[in-house]
C-alpha atoms as a PDB file:
ATOM      1  CA  MET A   1      70.707 137.664 -55.741  1.00  0.00           C
ATOM      2  CA  HIS A   2      67.633 137.323 -57.639  1.00  0.00           C
ATOM      3  CA  LEU A   3      65.359 133.590 -57.554  1.00  0.00           C
ATOM      4  CA  THR A   4      64.057 134.373 -60.999  1.00  0.00           C
ATOM      5  CA  LYS A   5      65.494 134.813 -64.431  1.00  0.00           C
ATOM      6  CA  ASN A   6      63.880 137.791 -65.359  1.00  0.00           C
ATOM      7  CA  TYR A   7      63.351 140.547 -63.193  1.00  0.00           C
ATOM      8  CA  ASN A   8      63.486 144.824 -62.841  1.00  0.00           C
ATOM      9  CA  THR A   9      65.839 146.077 -60.599  1.00  0.00           C
ATOM     10  CA  ASP A  10      68.133 150.077 -59.687  1.00  0.00           C
ATOM     11  CA  GLY A  11      64.078 150.842 -58.755  1.00  0.00           C
ATOM     12  CA  GLY A  12      62.168 149.829 -61.813  1.00  0.00           C
ATOM     13  CA  ASP A  13      64.316 151.395 -63.928  1.00  0.00           C
ATOM     14  CA  ARG A  14      65.846 148.567 -65.397  1.00  0.00           C
ATOM     15  CA  THR A  15      64.437 145.376 -66.790  1.00  0.00           C
ATOM     16  CA  VAL A  16      66.656 142.246 -67.073  1.00  0.00           C
ATOM     17  CA  ILE A  17      66.055 138.825 -69.054  1.00  0.00           C
ATOM     18  CA  GLY A  18      67.379 135.626 -68.598  1.00  0.00           C
ATOM     19  CA  GLY A  19      64.745 133.702 -69.297  1.00  0.00           C
ATOM     20  CA  THR A  20      62.414 133.588 -72.369  1.00  0.00           C
ATOM     21  CA  LEU A  21      60.850 136.853 -73.327  1.00  0.00           C
ATOM     22  CA  GLU A  22      57.256 135.903 -75.152  1.00  0.00           C
ATOM     23  CA  PHE A  23      54.448 137.451 -77.158  1.00  0.00           C
ATOM     24  CA  GLU A  24      50.804 136.329 -77.236  1.00  0.00           C
ATOM     25  CA  GLN A  25      49.307 136.638 -80.488  1.00  0.00           C
ATOM     26  CA  GLY A  26      48.189 140.292 -80.948  1.00  0.00           C
ATOM     27  CA  ALA A  27      50.541 141.648 -78.435  1.00  0.00           C
ATOM     28  CA  GLU A  28      52.396 145.093 -80.639  1.00  0.00           C
ATOM     29  CA  VAL A  29      55.568 146.888 -79.284  1.00  0.00           C
ATOM     30  CA  LYS A  30      55.574 150.539 -79.140  1.00  0.00           C
ATOM     31  CA  ASN A  31      58.216 153.248 -78.954  1.00  0.00           C
ATOM     32  CA  PHE A  32      60.926 150.564 -79.294  1.00  0.00           C
ATOM     33  CA  PRO A  33      64.007 151.535 -80.739  1.00  0.00           C
ATOM     34  CA  GLY A  34      66.825 151.329 -83.749  1.00  0.00           C
ATOM     35  CA  GLY A  35      63.692 150.154 -86.154  1.00  0.00           C
ATOM     36  CA  GLY A  36      63.142 152.055 -89.228  1.00  0.00           C
ATOM     37  CA  SER A  37      59.811 152.278 -87.905  1.00  0.00           C
ATOM     38  CA  GLN A  38      58.044 152.575 -84.651  1.00  0.00           C
ATOM     39  CA  SER A  39      55.710 150.397 -85.058  1.00  0.00           C
ATOM     40  CA  GLY A  40      58.009 147.576 -86.375  1.00  0.00           C
ATOM     41  CA  LYS A  41      57.232 147.584 -89.638  1.00  0.00           C
ATOM     42  CA  ALA A  42      58.595 148.200 -92.600  1.00  0.00           C
ATOM     43  CA  GLU A  43      57.253 150.132 -95.691  1.00  0.00           C
ATOM     44  CA  ASN A  44      54.971 149.055 -97.361  1.00  0.00           C
ATOM     45  CA  GLN A  45      55.820 147.094-100.899  1.00  0.00           C
ATOM     46  CA  SER A  46      53.359 146.768-103.115  1.00  0.00           C
ATOM     47  CA  ALA A  47      52.915 143.360-105.131  1.00  0.00           C
ATOM     48  CA  SER A  48      55.200 143.041-108.277  1.00  0.00           C
ATOM     49  CA  SER A  49      53.509 143.758-111.438  1.00  0.00           C
ATOM     50  CA  ALA A  50      56.758 142.782-113.511  1.00  0.00           C
ATOM     51  CA  THR A  51      56.512 140.919-116.316  1.00  0.00           C
ATOM     52  CA  ALA A  52      59.815 140.028-116.574  1.00  0.00           C
ATOM     53  CA  VAL A  53      62.917 138.590-114.357  1.00  0.00           C
ATOM     54  CA  ALA A  54      64.837 141.776-114.377  1.00  0.00           C
ATOM     55  CA  GLY A  55      61.599 143.926-113.130  1.00  0.00           C
ATOM     56  CA  LEU A  56      60.979 140.987-110.468  1.00  0.00           C
ATOM     57  CA  LYS A  57      64.810 141.289-109.360  1.00  0.00           C
ATOM     58  CA  ASN A  58      64.349 145.256-109.239  1.00  0.00           C
ATOM     59  CA  ASP A  59      61.264 145.051-107.019  1.00  0.00           C
ATOM     60  CA  PHE A  60      63.023 142.189-104.620  1.00  0.00           C
ATOM     61  CA  ASP A  61      65.809 144.445-104.148  1.00  0.00           C
ATOM     62  CA  ALA A  62      63.552 147.639-103.219  1.00  0.00           C
ATOM     63  CA  LEU A  63      61.662 144.677-100.448  1.00  0.00           C
ATOM     64  CA  LEU A  64      65.293 143.962 -99.195  1.00  0.00           C
ATOM     65  CA  VAL A  65      66.345 147.237 -99.242  1.00  0.00           C
ATOM     66  CA  LYS A  66      62.616 148.779 -97.037  1.00  0.00           C
ATOM     67  CA  LEU A  67      63.552 145.114 -94.746  1.00  0.00           C
ATOM     68  CA  LYS A  68      66.706 147.139 -94.406  1.00  0.00           C
ATOM     69  CA  GLU A  69      66.245 150.450 -92.978  1.00  0.00           C
ATOM     70  CA  ALA A  70      63.115 148.969 -91.017  1.00  0.00           C
ATOM     71  CA  GLY A  71      65.465 146.843 -88.273  1.00  0.00           C
ATOM     72  CA  LEU A  72      63.989 143.768 -89.953  1.00  0.00           C
ATOM     73  CA  MET A  73      67.230 143.081 -91.587  1.00  0.00           C
ATOM     74  CA  GLU A  74      70.276 143.316 -90.613  1.00  0.00           C
ATOM     75  CA  ALA A  75      71.757 145.790 -93.324  1.00  0.00           C
ATOM     76  CA  ASP A  76      74.965 144.780 -95.661  1.00  0.00           C
ATOM     77  CA  ALA A  77      78.121 145.579 -94.922  1.00  0.00           C
ATOM     78  CA  TRP A  78      80.583 147.779 -96.535  1.00  0.00           C
ATOM     79  CA  ASN A  79      83.369 146.537 -98.935  1.00  0.00           C
ATOM     80  CA  LEU A  80      85.407 149.856 -98.724  1.00  0.00           C
ATOM     81  CA  SER A  81      88.827 150.295-100.580  1.00  0.00           C
ATOM     82  CA  VAL A  82      91.417 153.004-101.339  1.00  0.00           C
ATOM     83  CA  ARG A  83      94.377 153.300-103.578  1.00  0.00           C
ATOM     84  CA  LEU A  84      96.001 156.574-105.220  1.00  0.00           C
ATOM     85  CA  ALA A  85      94.640 157.596-108.190  1.00  0.00           C
ATOM     86  CA  PRO A  86      96.661 156.206-111.169  1.00  0.00           C
ATOM     87  CA  ASN A  87      96.419 159.175-113.973  1.00  0.00           C
ATOM     88  CA  LEU A  88      95.975 162.201-112.728  1.00  0.00           C
ATOM     89  CA  THR A  89      95.565 164.795-115.653  1.00  0.00           C
ATOM     90  CA  ASP A  90      96.775 167.401-113.342  1.00  0.00           C
ATOM     91  CA  ALA A  91     101.066 167.446-113.707  1.00  0.00           C
ATOM     92  CA  VAL A  92     102.076 168.502-109.868  1.00  0.00           C
ATOM     93  CA  ALA A  93      98.748 166.649-108.632  1.00  0.00           C
ATOM     94  CA  ALA A  94     100.473 163.219-110.134  1.00  0.00           C
ATOM     95  CA  ALA A  95     104.257 163.715-109.093  1.00  0.00           C
ATOM     96  CA  ASN A  96     102.635 164.674-105.433  1.00  0.00           C
ATOM     97  CA  ASN A  97     100.625 160.801-106.220  1.00  0.00           C
ATOM     98  CA  ALA A  98     103.854 159.102-106.743  1.00  0.00           C
ATOM     99  CA  LYS A  99     105.467 160.670-103.144  1.00  0.00           C
ATOM    100  CA  ALA A 100     102.697 159.045-101.072  1.00  0.00           C
ATOM    101  CA  SER A 101     101.018 156.054-100.459  1.00  0.00           C
ATOM    102  CA  VAL A 102      98.158 155.151 -98.909  1.00  0.00           C
ATOM    103  CA  ALA A 103      96.408 152.487 -96.428  1.00  0.00           C
ATOM    104  CA  LEU A 104      92.430 151.953 -94.973  1.00  0.00           C
ATOM    105  CA  VAL A 105      92.367 150.217 -91.710  1.00  0.00           C
ATOM    106  CA  ASP A 106      89.724 150.653 -89.087  1.00  0.00           C
ATOM    107  CA  ALA A 107      87.628 153.144 -91.108  1.00  0.00           C
ATOM    108  CA  VAL A 108      91.250 155.451 -90.981  1.00  0.00           C
ATOM    109  CA  ILE A 109      92.780 156.239 -94.454  1.00  0.00           C
ATOM    110  CA  THR A 110      96.233 156.961 -93.774  1.00  0.00           C
ATOM    111  CA  ILE A 111      98.137 158.504 -96.472  1.00  0.00           C
ATOM    112  CA  THR A 112     102.040 158.860 -95.810  1.00  0.00           C
ATOM    113  CA  ALA A 113     103.890 161.129 -96.835  1.00  0.00           C
ATOM    114  CA  ASN A 114     106.362 164.201 -96.368  1.00  0.00           C
ATOM    115  CA  VAL A 115     104.252 167.009 -96.817  1.00  0.00           C
ATOM    116  CA  ASP A 116     107.211 169.594 -97.041  1.00  0.00           C
ATOM    117  CA  ASP A 117     108.275 167.785-100.133  1.00  0.00           C
ATOM    118  CA  LEU A 118     105.119 168.176-101.956  1.00  0.00           C
ATOM    119  CA  GLU A 119     104.329 170.665-104.664  1.00  0.00           C
ATOM    120  CA  GLU A 120     101.160 172.997-104.869  1.00  0.00           C
ATOM    121  CA  SER A 121      99.052 173.220-108.017  1.00  0.00           C
ATOM    122  CA  GLU A 122      95.554 175.415-108.537  1.00  0.00           C
ATOM    123  CA  SER A 123      92.458 173.394-109.065  1.00  0.00           C
ATOM    124  CA  SER A 124      90.678 173.387-112.028  1.00  0.00           C
ATOM    125  CA  ALA A 125      87.637 173.526-110.294  1.00  0.00           C
ATOM    126  CA  PRO A 126      86.079 176.917-108.993  1.00  0.00           C
ATOM    127  CA  GLY A 127      86.931 178.118-105.911  1.00  0.00           C
ATOM    128  CA  GLN A 128      89.366 174.895-104.487  1.00  0.00           C
ATOM    129  CA  GLY A 129      92.684 177.006-104.473  1.00  0.00           C
ATOM    130  CA  THR A 130      95.986 176.369-104.729  1.00  0.00           C
ATOM    131  CA  HIS A 131      96.960 173.580-102.184  1.00  0.00           C
ATOM    132  CA  LYS A 132      99.005 170.509-102.073  1.00  0.00           C
ATOM    133  CA  TRP A 133      96.757 168.272-103.680  1.00  0.00           C
ATOM    134  CA  ILE A 134      96.765 164.308-103.933  1.00  0.00           C
ATOM    135  CA  GLY A 135      93.965 162.523-105.542  1.00  0.00           C
ATOM    136  CA  LEU A 136      92.716 159.439-104.055  1.00  0.00           C
ATOM    137  CA  GLY A 137      90.151 156.191-105.324  1.00  0.00           C
ATOM    138  CA  ILE A 138      87.898 155.805-103.005  1.00  0.00           C
ATOM    139  CA  GLY A 139      86.244 152.437-103.860  1.00  0.00           C
ATOM    140  CA  THR A 140      82.738 151.518-102.309  1.00  0.00           C
ATOM    141  CA  GLY A 141      81.501 148.021-103.205  1.00  0.00           C
ATOM    142  CA  LEU A 142      78.701 148.845-104.779  1.00  0.00           C
ATOM    143  CA  SER A 143      77.923 148.308-108.495  1.00  0.00           C
ATOM    144  CA  SER A 144      77.767 151.567-109.636  1.00  0.00           C
ATOM    145  CA  VAL A 145      78.768 154.861-108.202  1.00  0.00           C
ATOM    146  CA  THR A 146      75.415 155.996-108.305  1.00  0.00           C
ATOM    147  CA  LEU A 147      73.729 154.013-105.672  1.00  0.00           C
ATOM    148  CA  ALA A 148      75.993 156.095-102.840  1.00  0.00           C
ATOM    149  CA  LYS A 149      75.846 158.899-101.187  1.00  0.00           C
ATOM    150  CA  TYR A 150      78.818 161.193-100.453  1.00  0.00           C
ATOM    151  CA  ASN A 151      78.809 163.728 -96.923  1.00  0.00           C
ATOM    152  CA  GLY A 152      74.618 163.454 -97.881  1.00  0.00           C
ATOM    153  CA  SER A 153      74.692 164.144-101.842  1.00  0.00           C
ATOM    154  CA  PRO A 154      74.149 161.719-104.319  1.00  0.00           C
ATOM    155  CA  LEU A 155      77.251 161.054-106.207  1.00  0.00           C
ATOM    156  CA  ILE A 156      75.747 160.949-110.218  1.00  0.00           C
ATOM    157  CA  ASP A 157      77.169 159.720-113.492  1.00  0.00           C
ATOM    158  CA  ALA A 158      79.493 162.736-113.771  1.00  0.00           C
ATOM    159  CA  ASP A 159      81.444 161.464-111.019  1.00  0.00           C
ATOM    160  CA  ALA A 160      81.778 157.769-112.457  1.00  0.00           C
ATOM    161  CA  ALA A 161      83.394 159.300-115.451  1.00  0.00           C
ATOM    162  CA  GLU A 162      85.716 161.722-113.404  1.00  0.00           C
ATOM    163  CA  ALA A 163      86.558 158.517-111.880  1.00  0.00           C
ATOM    164  CA  GLU A 164      87.397 156.128-115.100  1.00  0.00           C
ATOM    165  CA  SER A 165      89.378 159.690-116.252  1.00  0.00           C
ATOM    166  CA  VAL A 166      91.672 159.362-113.921  1.00  0.00           C
ATOM    167  CA  GLY A 167      92.233 155.577-114.037  1.00  0.00           C
ATOM    168  CA  LEU A 168      90.293 154.415-111.575  1.00  0.00           C
ATOM    169  CA  ASP A 169      88.277 151.358-113.591  1.00  0.00           C
ATOM    170  CA  GLN A 170      86.121 150.303-110.791  1.00  0.00           C
ATOM    171  CA  PRO A 171      82.739 150.965-111.300  1.00  0.00           C
ATOM    172  CA  GLY A 172      82.132 152.206-107.400  1.00  0.00           C
ATOM    173  CA  GLU A 173      84.866 154.313-107.328  1.00  0.00           C
ATOM    174  CA  PHE A 174      84.824 158.024-107.006  1.00  0.00           C
ATOM    175  CA  VAL A 175      87.890 160.367-107.071  1.00  0.00           C
ATOM    176  CA  LEU A 176      88.278 162.554-104.094  1.00  0.00           C
ATOM    177  CA  TYR A 177      90.905 165.214-104.285  1.00  0.00           C
ATOM    178  CA  ILE A 178      92.767 165.899-100.515  1.00  0.00           C
ATOM    179  CA  ARG A 179      94.686 168.763 -99.496  1.00  0.00           C
ATOM    180  CA  ALA A 180      97.507 167.382 -98.059  1.00  0.00           C
ATOM    181  CA  ASP A 181      98.351 170.572 -96.557  1.00  0.00           C
ATOM    182  CA  GLU A 182      95.661 171.010 -94.351  1.00  0.00           C
ATOM    183  CA  VAL A 183      94.707 167.542 -93.592  1.00  0.00           C
ATOM    184  CA  VAL A 184      98.335 167.042 -91.931  1.00  0.00           C
ATOM    185  CA  ASP A 185      96.915 169.325 -89.831  1.00  0.00           C
ATOM    186  CA  THR A 186      93.658 168.824 -89.597  1.00  0.00           C
ATOM    187  CA  PRO A 187      92.506 165.373 -90.272  1.00  0.00           C
ATOM    188  CA  LYS A 188      89.279 164.930 -92.795  1.00  0.00           C
ATOM    189  CA  GLU A 189      85.962 163.140 -92.083  1.00  0.00           C
ATOM    190  CA  ILE A 190      83.956 162.242 -94.749  1.00  0.00           C
ATOM    191  CA  THR A 191      80.475 159.660 -94.777  1.00  0.00           C
ATOM    192  CA  LEU A 192      79.076 157.534 -96.923  1.00  0.00           C
ATOM    193  CA  ASP A 193      75.522 156.170 -97.277  1.00  0.00           C
ATOM    194  CA  ALA A 194      73.768 153.862 -99.381  1.00  0.00           C
ATOM    195  CA  GLU A 195      70.189 151.895 -99.679  1.00  0.00           C
ATOM    196  CA  GLY A 196      70.223 149.219 -97.243  1.00  0.00           C
ATOM    197  CA  TYR A 197      73.727 149.903 -95.982  1.00  0.00           C
ATOM    198  CA  PRO A 198      74.461 151.574 -92.501  1.00  0.00           C
ATOM    199  CA  GLU A 199      76.244 155.134 -92.955  1.00  0.00           C
ATOM    200  CA  ALA A 200      80.105 154.755 -92.918  1.00  0.00           C
ATOM    201  CA  VAL A 201      82.074 157.022 -91.019  1.00  0.00           C
ATOM    202  CA  ILE A 202      86.020 157.250 -92.683  1.00  0.00           C
ATOM    203  CA  THR A 203      88.501 159.667 -91.235  1.00  0.00           C
ATOM    204  CA  ILE A 204      91.150 160.428 -93.581  1.00  0.00           C
ATOM    205  CA  ILE A 205      94.770 161.659 -92.129  1.00  0.00           C
ATOM    206  CA  ILE A 206      98.327 162.154 -93.214  1.00  0.00           C
ATOM    207  CA  ALA A 207     101.281 160.477 -91.740  1.00  0.00           C
ATOM    208  CA  ALA A 208     105.032 161.439 -91.849  1.00  0.00           C
ATOM    209  CA  PRO A 209     107.009 158.331 -93.433  1.00  0.00           C
ATOM    210  CA  GLU A 210     109.036 156.275 -91.202  1.00  0.00           C
ATOM    211  CA  GLU A 211     113.238 157.676 -90.659  1.00  0.00           C
ATOM    212  CA  ASN A 212     115.021 154.641 -91.535  1.00  0.00           C
END
């Protein structure tokens, strides 16, 4: 039993704060974990030189990103979504999509399909090989897909154009082709990142349909 609300325990390895922790003027906290900088300060934001509202908005948004990256403001929450790409140009992959369904729950994308019923086709992308392809539309919830990074690489205008070409009409969506014949045995893990957002780790699995 401790007579004070603030005390050391575990041989001094742990400090318990049950009361108020007050910092006097001029006090500093160094090497604090979890922040974007060890000093607890955000990266400097220069004074805005904008002469129009649009420029001022951009400067303000940049300041918000720096505060979030420094851990001084709660990061934005992802609004992720997934659907089957509706208009795949590869007829075989389109037929595979018609035999599948997809759902996103707790950072896990589950594709429900009988992989034995899917057909193989050769990818138009060099080096991707012949597989049982399923085309997904991953929604980032961002105003532009170019604001996001996929597995550490920035998504670009070409990714937005590809998404539009297969019927994905939301600005933050991109296409992700899944090798169903591989993912059925080995789940696929992807990461998404964007300024002001925490890294999102998503696992993709394939499940067989329930028998009637």
